[in-house]
PDB file of N, CA and C in Angstrom:
ATOM      1  N   MET A   1       0.838  -1.170   0.000  1.00  0.00           N
ATOM      2  CA  MET A   1       0.000   0.000   0.000  1.00  0.00           C
ATOM      3  C   MET A   1       0.887   1.237   0.000  1.00  0.00           C
ATOM      4  N   THR A   2       0.456   2.248  -0.704  1.00  0.00           N
ATOM      5  CA  THR A   2       1.161   3.517  -0.782  1.00  0.00           C
ATOM      6  C   THR A   2       0.264   4.623  -0.237  1.00  0.00           C
ATOM      7  N   VAL A   3       0.853   5.504   0.550  1.00  0.00           N
ATOM      8  CA  VAL A   3       0.127   6.653   1.091  1.00  0.00           C
ATOM      9  C   VAL A   3       0.880   7.916   0.685  1.00  0.00           C
ATOM     10  N   ILE A   4       0.152   8.885   0.160  1.00  0.00           N
ATOM     11  CA  ILE A   4       0.728  10.184  -0.178  1.00  0.00           C
ATOM     12  C   ILE A   4      -0.055  11.247   0.574  1.00  0.00           C
ATOM     13  N   ILE A   5       0.666  12.134   1.229  1.00  0.00           N
ATOM     14  CA  ILE A   5       0.043  13.245   1.958  1.00  0.00           C
ATOM     15  C   ILE A   5       0.520  14.542   1.316  1.00  0.00           C
ATOM     16  N   LEU A   6      -0.438  15.374   0.941  1.00  0.00           N
ATOM     17  CA  LEU A   6      -0.123  16.677   0.358  1.00  0.00           C
ATOM     18  C   LEU A   6      -0.612  17.768   1.293  1.00  0.00           C
ATOM     19  N   ILE A   7       0.227  18.769   1.497  1.00  0.00           N
ATOM     20  CA  ILE A   7      -0.127  19.931   2.308  1.00  0.00           C
ATOM     21  C   ILE A   7       0.158  21.170   1.471  1.00  0.00           C
ATOM     22  N   ALA A   8      -0.850  22.018   1.340  1.00  0.00           N
ATOM     23  CA  ALA A   8      -0.729  23.274   0.579  1.00  0.00           C
ATOM     24  C   ALA A   8      -0.215  23.024  -0.835  1.00  0.00           C
ATOM     25  N   ALA A   9      -0.735  21.990  -1.469  1.00  0.00           N
ATOM     26  CA  ALA A   9      -0.302  21.643  -2.824  1.00  0.00           C
ATOM     27  C   ALA A   9      -1.246  22.264  -3.850  1.00  0.00           C
ATOM     28  N   PRO A  10      -0.767  22.530  -5.047  1.00  0.00           N
ATOM     29  CA  PRO A  10      -1.626  23.038  -6.112  1.00  0.00           C
ATOM     30  C   PRO A  10      -2.759  22.053  -6.416  1.00  0.00           C
ATOM     31  N   GLU A  11      -3.924  22.590  -6.783  1.00  0.00           N
ATOM     32  CA  GLU A  11      -5.105  21.755  -7.041  1.00  0.00           C
ATOM     33  C   GLU A  11      -4.845  20.712  -8.130  1.00  0.00           C
ATOM     34  N   GLY A  12      -4.102  21.045  -9.138  1.00  0.00           N
ATOM     35  CA  GLY A  12      -3.845  20.119 -10.232  1.00  0.00           C
ATOM     36  C   GLY A  12      -3.203  18.822  -9.772  1.00  0.00           C
ATOM     37  N   LEU A  13      -2.361  18.910  -8.748  1.00  0.00           N
ATOM     38  CA  LEU A  13      -1.703  17.702  -8.248  1.00  0.00           C
ATOM     39  C   LEU A  13      -2.700  16.753  -7.614  1.00  0.00           C
ATOM     40  N   ARG A  14      -3.616  17.310  -6.850  1.00  0.00           N
ATOM     41  CA  ARG A  14      -4.620  16.465  -6.196  1.00  0.00           C
ATOM     42  C   ARG A  14      -5.449  15.742  -7.252  1.00  0.00           C
ATOM     43  N   GLY A  15      -5.848  16.448  -8.283  1.00  0.00           N
ATOM     44  CA  GLY A  15      -6.635  15.833  -9.340  1.00  0.00           C
ATOM     45  C   GLY A  15      -5.863  14.731 -10.055  1.00  0.00           C
ATOM     46  N   HIS A  16      -4.581  14.963 -10.259  1.00  0.00           N
ATOM     47  CA  HIS A  16      -3.762  13.952 -10.937  1.00  0.00           C
ATOM     48  C   HIS A  16      -3.647  12.689 -10.090  1.00  0.00           C
ATOM     49  N   LEU A  17      -3.481  12.854  -8.787  1.00  0.00           N
ATOM     50  CA  LEU A  17      -3.343  11.686  -7.909  1.00  0.00           C
ATOM     51  C   LEU A  17      -4.611  10.847  -7.859  1.00  0.00           C
ATOM     52  N   THR A  18      -5.769  11.497  -7.994  1.00  0.00           N
ATOM     53  CA  THR A  18      -7.032  10.739  -7.909  1.00  0.00           C
ATOM     54  C   THR A  18      -7.207   9.797  -9.098  1.00  0.00           C
ATOM     55  N   ARG A  19      -6.401   9.934 -10.116  1.00  0.00           N
ATOM     56  CA  ARG A  19      -6.438   8.974 -11.229  1.00  0.00           C
ATOM     57  C   ARG A  19      -5.899   7.619 -10.800  1.00  0.00           C
ATOM     58  N   TRP A  20      -5.018   7.611  -9.810  1.00  0.00           N
ATOM     59  CA  TRP A  20      -4.334   6.382  -9.414  1.00  0.00           C
ATOM     60  C   TRP A  20      -4.637   5.959  -7.985  1.00  0.00           C
ATOM     61  N   MET A  21      -5.107   6.916  -7.160  1.00  0.00           N
ATOM     62  CA  MET A  21      -5.283   6.636  -5.738  1.00  0.00           C
ATOM     63  C   MET A  21      -6.612   7.224  -5.264  1.00  0.00           C
ATOM     64  N   VAL A  22      -7.036   6.823  -4.068  1.00  0.00           N
ATOM     65  CA  VAL A  22      -8.279   7.330  -3.485  1.00  0.00           C
ATOM     66  C   VAL A  22      -7.921   8.367  -2.425  1.00  0.00           C
ATOM     67  N   GLU A  23      -8.603   9.510  -2.465  1.00  0.00           N
ATOM     68  CA  GLU A  23      -8.385  10.544  -1.449  1.00  0.00           C
ATOM     69  C   GLU A  23      -9.301  10.221  -0.273  1.00  0.00           C
ATOM     70  N   VAL A  24      -8.732   9.648   0.797  1.00  0.00           N
ATOM     71  CA  VAL A  24      -9.530   9.205   1.940  1.00  0.00           C
ATOM     72  C   VAL A  24      -9.822  10.328   2.922  1.00  0.00           C
ATOM     73  N   ASN A  25      -9.064  11.398   2.854  1.00  0.00           N
ATOM     74  CA  ASN A  25      -9.299  12.604   3.636  1.00  0.00           C
ATOM     75  C   ASN A  25      -8.616  13.731   2.875  1.00  0.00           C
ATOM     76  N   ALA A  26      -8.849  14.951   3.264  1.00  0.00           N
ATOM     77  CA  ALA A  26      -8.263  16.074   2.522  1.00  0.00           C
ATOM     78  C   ALA A  26      -6.741  15.949   2.456  1.00  0.00           C
ATOM     79  N   GLY A  27      -6.218  15.755   1.254  1.00  0.00           N
ATOM     80  CA  GLY A  27      -4.780  15.677   1.043  1.00  0.00           C
ATOM     81  C   GLY A  27      -4.142  14.344   1.373  1.00  0.00           C
ATOM     82  N   VAL A  28      -4.929  13.330   1.739  1.00  0.00           N
ATOM     83  CA  VAL A  28      -4.383  12.001   2.072  1.00  0.00           C
ATOM     84  C   VAL A  28      -4.861  11.010   1.014  1.00  0.00           C
ATOM     85  N   PHE A  29      -3.922  10.457   0.268  1.00  0.00           N
ATOM     86  CA  PHE A  29      -4.227   9.556  -0.848  1.00  0.00           C
ATOM     87  C   PHE A  29      -3.692   8.163  -0.533  1.00  0.00           C
ATOM     88  N   VAL A  30      -4.514   7.157  -0.788  1.00  0.00           N
ATOM     89  CA  VAL A  30      -4.131   5.773  -0.526  1.00  0.00           C
ATOM     90  C   VAL A  30      -4.363   4.967  -1.795  1.00  0.00           C
ATOM     91  N   GLY A  31      -3.423   4.081  -2.089  1.00  0.00           N
ATOM     92  CA  GLY A  31      -3.579   3.244  -3.264  1.00  0.00           C
ATOM     93  C   GLY A  31      -2.505   2.185  -3.321  1.00  0.00           C
ATOM     94  N   ASN A  32      -2.521   1.441  -4.393  1.00  0.00           N
ATOM     95  CA  ASN A  32      -1.553   0.371  -4.586  1.00  0.00           C
ATOM     96  C   ASN A  32      -0.983   0.428  -5.999  1.00  0.00           C
ATOM     97  N   PRO A  33      -0.407   1.599  -6.380  1.00  0.00           N
ATOM     98  CA  PRO A  33       0.133   1.705  -7.737  1.00  0.00           C
ATOM     99  C   PRO A  33       1.422   0.895  -7.874  1.00  0.00           C
ATOM    100  N   SER A  34       1.741   0.537  -9.102  1.00  0.00           N
ATOM    101  CA  SER A  34       2.995  -0.188  -9.347  1.00  0.00           C
ATOM    102  C   SER A  34       4.182   0.727  -9.053  1.00  0.00           C
ATOM    103  N   ARG A  35       5.343   0.122  -8.918  1.00  0.00           N
ATOM    104  CA  ARG A  35       6.563   0.897  -8.649  1.00  0.00           C
ATOM    105  C   ARG A  35       6.788   1.959  -9.729  1.00  0.00           C
ATOM    106  N   ARG A  36       6.561   1.582 -10.970  1.00  0.00           N
ATOM    107  CA  ARG A  36       6.766   2.510 -12.083  1.00  0.00           C
ATOM    108  C   ARG A  36       5.820   3.708 -11.968  1.00  0.00           C
ATOM    109  N   ILE A  37       4.560   3.459 -11.695  1.00  0.00           N
ATOM    110  CA  ILE A  37       3.593   4.548 -11.562  1.00  0.00           C
ATOM    111  C   ILE A  37       3.926   5.404 -10.341  1.00  0.00           C
ATOM    112  N   ARG A  38       4.286   4.740  -9.226  1.00  0.00           N
ATOM    113  CA  ARG A  38       4.628   5.479  -8.000  1.00  0.00           C
ATOM    114  C   ARG A  38       5.814   6.394  -8.239  1.00  0.00           C
ATOM    115  N   ASP A  39       6.835   5.929  -8.938  1.00  0.00           N
ATOM    116  CA  ASP A  39       8.006   6.763  -9.221  1.00  0.00           C
ATOM    117  C   ASP A  39       7.641   7.938 -10.129  1.00  0.00           C
ATOM    118  N   ARG A  40       6.773   7.699 -11.091  1.00  0.00           N
ATOM    119  CA  ARG A  40       6.360   8.794 -11.977  1.00  0.00           C
ATOM    120  C   ARG A  40       5.511   9.812 -11.217  1.00  0.00           C
ATOM    121  N   LEU A  41       4.634   9.336 -10.326  1.00  0.00           N
ATOM    122  CA  LEU A  41       3.844  10.257  -9.516  1.00  0.00           C
ATOM    123  C   LEU A  41       4.753  11.100  -8.629  1.00  0.00           C
ATOM    124  N   TRP A  42       5.751  10.469  -8.043  1.00  0.00           N
ATOM    125  CA  TRP A  42       6.658  11.205  -7.165  1.00  0.00           C
ATOM    126  C   TRP A  42       7.451  12.251  -7.947  1.00  0.00           C
ATOM    127  N   GLU A  43       7.885  11.898  -9.138  1.00  0.00           N
ATOM    128  CA  GLU A  43       8.602  12.854  -9.983  1.00  0.00           C
ATOM    129  C   GLU A  43       7.712  14.056 -10.289  1.00  0.00           C
ATOM    130  N   LEU A  44       6.448  13.787 -10.609  1.00  0.00           N
ATOM    131  CA  LEU A  44       5.495  14.867 -10.875  1.00  0.00           C
ATOM    132  C   LEU A  44       5.305  15.741  -9.640  1.00  0.00           C
ATOM    133  N   LEU A  45       5.142  15.110  -8.483  1.00  0.00           N
ATOM    134  CA  LEU A  45       4.933  15.860  -7.246  1.00  0.00           C
ATOM    135  C   LEU A  45       6.127  16.745  -6.914  1.00  0.00           C
ATOM    136  N   THR A  46       7.318  16.193  -7.009  1.00  0.00           N
ATOM    137  CA  THR A  46       8.505  16.973  -6.641  1.00  0.00           C
ATOM    138  C   THR A  46       8.738  18.140  -7.604  1.00  0.00           C
ATOM    139  N   ASN A  47       8.325  17.976  -8.845  1.00  0.00           N
ATOM    140  CA  ASN A  47       8.495  19.062  -9.810  1.00  0.00           C
ATOM    141  C   ASN A  47       7.463  20.169  -9.647  1.00  0.00           C
ATOM    142  N   ARG A  48       6.276  19.838  -9.114  1.00  0.00           N
ATOM    143  CA  ARG A  48       5.193  20.815  -9.064  1.00  0.00           C
ATOM    144  C   ARG A  48       4.746  21.198  -7.660  1.00  0.00           C
ATOM    145  N   ILE A  49       5.387  20.716  -6.626  1.00  0.00           N
ATOM    146  CA  ILE A  49       4.896  20.943  -5.272  1.00  0.00           C
ATOM    147  C   ILE A  49       4.989  22.413  -4.863  1.00  0.00           C
ATOM    148  N   GLY A  50       5.892  23.161  -5.446  1.00  0.00           N
ATOM    149  CA  GLY A  50       6.001  24.590  -5.141  1.00  0.00           C
ATOM    150  C   GLY A  50       6.282  24.835  -3.667  1.00  0.00           C
ATOM    151  N   ASP A  51       5.447  25.654  -3.019  1.00  0.00           N
ATOM    152  CA  ASP A  51       5.632  25.979  -1.602  1.00  0.00           C
ATOM    153  C   ASP A  51       4.970  24.965  -0.676  1.00  0.00           C
ATOM    154  N   GLY A  52       4.341  23.953  -1.236  1.00  0.00           N
ATOM    155  CA  GLY A  52       3.648  22.958  -0.412  1.00  0.00           C
ATOM    156  C   GLY A  52       4.590  21.881   0.096  1.00  0.00           C
ATOM    157  N   GLN A  53       3.980  20.840   0.620  1.00  0.00           N
ATOM    158  CA  GLN A  53       4.735  19.702   1.142  1.00  0.00           C
ATOM    159  C   GLN A  53       4.127  18.414   0.608  1.00  0.00           C
ATOM    160  N   ALA A  54       4.979  17.428   0.392  1.00  0.00           N
ATOM    161  CA  ALA A  54       4.517  16.106  -0.030  1.00  0.00           C
ATOM    162  C   ALA A  54       5.287  15.041   0.743  1.00  0.00           C
ATOM    163  N   VAL A  55       4.552  14.033   1.191  1.00  0.00           N
ATOM    164  CA  VAL A  55       5.145  12.891   1.891  1.00  0.00           C
ATOM    165  C   VAL A  55       4.605  11.632   1.232  1.00  0.00           C
ATOM    166  N   LEU A  56       5.484  10.715   0.896  1.00  0.00           N
ATOM    167  CA  LEU A  56       5.095   9.450   0.300  1.00  0.00           C
ATOM    168  C   LEU A  56       5.604   8.314   1.182  1.00  0.00           C
ATOM    169  N   VAL A  57       4.711   7.419   1.596  1.00  0.00           N
ATOM    170  CA  VAL A  57       5.076   6.229   2.361  1.00  0.00           C
ATOM    171  C   VAL A  57       4.793   5.032   1.463  1.00  0.00           C
ATOM    172  N   GLU A  58       5.814   4.191   1.266  1.00  0.00           N
ATOM    173  CA  GLU A  58       5.707   3.095   0.309  1.00  0.00           C
ATOM    174  C   GLU A  58       6.299   1.807   0.882  1.00  0.00           C
ATOM    175  N   PRO A  59       5.900   0.670   0.323  1.00  0.00           N
ATOM    176  CA  PRO A  59       6.475  -0.596   0.779  1.00  0.00           C
ATOM    177  C   PRO A  59       7.977  -0.652   0.487  1.00  0.00           C
ATOM    178  N   SER A  60       8.703  -1.351   1.358  1.00  0.00           N
ATOM    179  CA  SER A  60      10.138  -1.490   1.176  1.00  0.00           C
ATOM    180  C   SER A  60      10.584  -2.836   1.753  1.00  0.00           C
ATOM    181  N   THR A  61      11.801  -3.232   1.431  1.00  0.00           N
ATOM    182  CA  THR A  61      12.318  -4.507   1.931  1.00  0.00           C
ATOM    183  C   THR A  61      13.155  -4.331   3.199  1.00  0.00           C
ATOM    184  N   ASN A  62      13.125  -3.156   3.812  1.00  0.00           N
ATOM    185  CA  ASN A  62      13.914  -2.930   5.025  1.00  0.00           C
ATOM    186  C   ASN A  62      13.213  -3.537   6.248  1.00  0.00           C
ATOM    187  N   GLU A  63      13.784  -3.328   7.423  1.00  0.00           N
ATOM    188  CA  GLU A  63      13.250  -3.924   8.654  1.00  0.00           C
ATOM    189  C   GLU A  63      11.815  -3.476   8.941  1.00  0.00           C
ATOM    190  N   GLN A  64      11.532  -2.225   8.692  1.00  0.00           N
ATOM    191  CA  GLN A  64      10.191  -1.687   8.976  1.00  0.00           C
ATOM    192  C   GLN A  64       9.180  -2.022   7.881  1.00  0.00           C
ATOM    193  N   ARG A  65       9.698  -2.458   6.742  1.00  0.00           N
ATOM    194  CA  ARG A  65       8.883  -2.835   5.584  1.00  0.00           C
ATOM    195  C   ARG A  65       8.189  -1.646   4.937  1.00  0.00           C
ATOM    196  N   TRP A  66       8.698  -0.456   5.211  1.00  0.00           N
ATOM    197  CA  TRP A  66       8.200   0.729   4.525  1.00  0.00           C
ATOM    198  C   TRP A  66       9.317   1.765   4.460  1.00  0.00           C
ATOM    199  N   ALA A  67       9.175   2.693   3.521  1.00  0.00           N
ATOM    200  CA  ALA A  67      10.125   3.784   3.352  1.00  0.00           C
ATOM    201  C   ALA A  67       9.323   5.056   3.155  1.00  0.00           C
ATOM    202  N   VAL A  68       9.971   6.176   3.334  1.00  0.00           N
ATOM    203  CA  VAL A  68       9.283   7.464   3.208  1.00  0.00           C
ATOM    204  C   VAL A  68      10.129   8.408   2.362  1.00  0.00           C
ATOM    205  N   ARG A  69       9.442   9.193   1.545  1.00  0.00           N
ATOM    206  CA  ARG A  69      10.083  10.244   0.762  1.00  0.00           C
ATOM    207  C   ARG A  69       9.380  11.549   1.122  1.00  0.00           C
ATOM    208  N   THR A  70      10.119  12.633   1.132  1.00  0.00           N
ATOM    209  CA  THR A  70       9.503  13.935   1.407  1.00  0.00           C
ATOM    210  C   THR A  70       9.981  14.935   0.365  1.00  0.00           C
ATOM    211  N   ALA A  71       9.142  15.936   0.111  1.00  0.00           N
ATOM    212  CA  ALA A  71       9.501  16.995  -0.831  1.00  0.00           C
ATOM    213  C   ALA A  71       8.808  18.269  -0.387  1.00  0.00           C
ATOM    214  N   GLY A  72       9.364  19.386  -0.817  1.00  0.00           N
ATOM    215  CA  GLY A  72       8.781  20.679  -0.488  1.00  0.00           C
ATOM    216  C   GLY A  72       9.363  21.238   0.793  1.00  0.00           C
ATOM    217  N   ARG A  73       8.630  22.149   1.358  1.00  0.00           N
ATOM    218  CA  ARG A  73       9.102  22.822   2.566  1.00  0.00           C
ATOM    219  C   ARG A  73       8.668  22.050   3.801  1.00  0.00           C
ATOM    220  N   ASN A  74       9.191  20.888   3.954  1.00  0.00           N
ATOM    221  CA  ASN A  74       8.804  20.059   5.095  1.00  0.00           C
ATOM    222  C   ASN A  74       9.698  20.336   6.289  1.00  0.00           C
ATOM    223  N   ARG A  75       9.140  20.261   7.465  1.00  0.00           N
ATOM    224  CA  ARG A  75       9.916  20.469   8.679  1.00  0.00           C
ATOM    225  C   ARG A  75      10.557  19.163   9.131  1.00  0.00           C
ATOM    226  N   TRP A  76      10.049  18.044   8.686  1.00  0.00           N
ATOM    227  CA  TRP A  76      10.568  16.756   9.084  1.00  0.00           C
ATOM    228  C   TRP A  76      11.201  16.085   7.876  1.00  0.00           C
ATOM    229  N   ARG A  77      12.242  15.314   8.119  1.00  0.00           N
ATOM    230  CA  ARG A  77      12.865  14.570   7.027  1.00  0.00           C
ATOM    231  C   ARG A  77      13.207  13.177   7.532  1.00  0.00           C
ATOM    232  N   PRO A  78      13.120  12.172   6.649  1.00  0.00           N
ATOM    233  CA  PRO A  78      13.464  10.816   7.078  1.00  0.00           C
ATOM    234  C   PRO A  78      14.973  10.668   7.245  1.00  0.00           C
ATOM    235  N   VAL A  79      15.365   9.964   8.294  1.00  0.00           N
ATOM    236  CA  VAL A  79      16.776   9.700   8.576  1.00  0.00           C
ATOM    237  C   VAL A  79      16.925   8.205   8.823  1.00  0.00           C
ATOM    238  N   ASP A  80      17.883   7.602   8.142  1.00  0.00           N
ATOM    239  CA  ASP A  80      18.157   6.178   8.335  1.00  0.00           C
ATOM    240  C   ASP A  80      19.129   6.034   9.503  1.00  0.00           C
ATOM    241  N   TYR A  81      18.667   5.457  10.599  1.00  0.00           N
ATOM    242  CA  TYR A  81      19.504   5.253  11.780  1.00  0.00           C
ATOM    243  C   TYR A  81      19.682   3.758  11.957  1.00  0.00           C
ATOM    244  N   GLU A  82      20.806   3.247  11.466  1.00  0.00           N
ATOM    245  CA  GLU A  82      21.144   1.822  11.544  1.00  0.00           C
ATOM    246  C   GLU A  82      20.013   0.951  11.013  1.00  0.00           C
ATOM    247  N   GLY A  83      19.465   1.357   9.873  1.00  0.00           N
ATOM    248  CA  GLY A  83      18.428   0.576   9.225  1.00  0.00           C
ATOM    249  C   GLY A  83      17.024   0.899   9.680  1.00  0.00           C
ATOM    250  N   LEU A  84      16.890   1.765  10.677  1.00  0.00           N
ATOM    251  CA  LEU A  84      15.584   2.166  11.199  1.00  0.00           C
ATOM    252  C   LEU A  84      15.286   3.585  10.709  1.00  0.00           C
ATOM    253  N   ILE A  85      14.149   3.771  10.078  1.00  0.00           N
ATOM    254  CA  ILE A  85      13.808   5.095   9.566  1.00  0.00           C
ATOM    255  C   ILE A  85      13.176   5.909  10.683  1.00  0.00           C
ATOM    256  N   LEU A  86      13.800   7.045  10.959  1.00  0.00           N
ATOM    257  CA  LEU A  86      13.288   7.971  11.965  1.00  0.00           C
ATOM    258  C   LEU A  86      12.988   9.297  11.288  1.00  0.00           C
ATOM    259  N   SER A  87      12.213  10.135  11.928  1.00  0.00           N
ATOM    260  CA  SER A  87      11.944  11.473  11.411  1.00  0.00           C
ATOM    261  C   SER A  87      12.730  12.476  12.233  1.00  0.00           C
ATOM    262  N   ALA A  88      13.374  13.388  11.525  1.00  0.00           N
ATOM    263  CA  ALA A  88      14.165  14.411  12.200  1.00  0.00           C
ATOM    264  C   ALA A  88      13.662  15.779  11.780  1.00  0.00           C
ATOM    265  N   ARG A  89      13.621  16.650  12.722  1.00  0.00           N
ATOM    266  CA  ARG A  89      13.217  18.025  12.440  1.00  0.00           C
ATOM    267  C   ARG A  89      14.470  18.838  12.149  1.00  0.00           C
ATOM    268  N   ARG A  90      14.398  19.612  11.086  1.00  0.00           N
ATOM    269  CA  ARG A  90      15.540  20.459  10.753  1.00  0.00           C
ATOM    270  C   ARG A  90      15.623  21.594  11.774  1.00  0.00           C
ATOM    271  N   PRO A  91      16.844  21.985  12.141  1.00  0.00           N
ATOM    272  CA  PRO A  91      16.981  23.129  13.044  1.00  0.00           C
ATOM    273  C   PRO A  91      16.346  24.372  12.436  1.00  0.00           C
ATOM    274  N   ALA A  92      15.840  25.263  13.289  1.00  0.00           N
ATOM    275  CA  ALA A  92      15.129  26.459  12.826  1.00  0.00           C
ATOM    276  C   ALA A  92      15.987  27.310  11.910  1.00  0.00           C
ATOM    277  N   HIS A  93      17.282  27.452  12.205  1.00  0.00           N
ATOM    278  CA  HIS A  93      18.116  28.301  11.356  1.00  0.00           C
ATOM    279  C   HIS A  93      18.256  27.716   9.958  1.00  0.00           C
ATOM    280  N   THR A  94      18.205  26.393   9.813  1.00  0.00           N
ATOM    281  CA  THR A  94      18.265  25.758   8.501  1.00  0.00           C
ATOM    282  C   THR A  94      16.990  26.035   7.729  1.00  0.00           C
ATOM    283  N   GLN A  95      15.845  25.973   8.407  1.00  0.00           N
ATOM    284  CA  GLN A  95      14.575  26.245   7.749  1.00  0.00           C
ATOM    285  C   GLN A  95      14.521  27.675   7.259  1.00  0.00           C
ATOM    286  N   ASP A  96      15.014  28.628   8.082  1.00  0.00           N
ATOM    287  CA  ASP A  96      15.016  30.027   7.661  1.00  0.00           C
ATOM    288  C   ASP A  96      15.861  30.215   6.420  1.00  0.00           C
ATOM    289  N   ARG A  97      17.015  29.549   6.385  1.00  0.00           N
ATOM    290  CA  ARG A  97      17.906  29.654   5.241  1.00  0.00           C
ATOM    291  C   ARG A  97      17.239  29.094   3.986  1.00  0.00           C
ATOM    292  N   GLN A  98      16.517  27.956   4.147  1.00  0.00           N
ATOM    293  CA  GLN A  98      15.844  27.348   3.003  1.00  0.00           C
ATOM    294  C   GLN A  98      14.724  28.243   2.489  1.00  0.00           C
ATOM    295  N   SER A  99      13.989  28.881   3.385  1.00  0.00           N
ATOM    296  CA  SER A  99      12.864  29.699   2.944  1.00  0.00           C
ATOM    297  C   SER A  99      13.329  30.942   2.209  1.00  0.00           C
ATOM    298  N   ARG A 100      14.571  31.406   2.472  1.00  0.00           N
ATOM    299  CA  ARG A 100      15.095  32.566   1.757  1.00  0.00           C
ATOM    300  C   ARG A 100      15.568  32.206   0.360  1.00  0.00           C
ATOM    301  N   ASN A 101      15.944  30.939   0.133  1.00  0.00           N
ATOM    302  CA  ASN A 101      16.444  30.521  -1.190  1.00  0.00           C
ATOM    303  C   ASN A 101      15.322  30.247  -2.141  1.00  0.00           C
TER     304      ASN A 101
END
């Protein structure tokens, strides 16, 4: 199963995702697309996310059996800690620097 969460994303992206996944709540999409479709959707999201945020949770062969990708102005980022995926918050000064670029 694949889950995509969009925050402050352009309307066109939401419409595109509904072709492949079901929007179970505002900005939360669930589906079971193939790896090829999932990679193409992610490429589309990362190119068009603009000032929004996108999070993709997908099946993986690691210990947790899932992986996460993030794009946009997210405050959290996935970190691999000895094979365990954790979420880390970027320091505030890093976020300020990113928002200026």
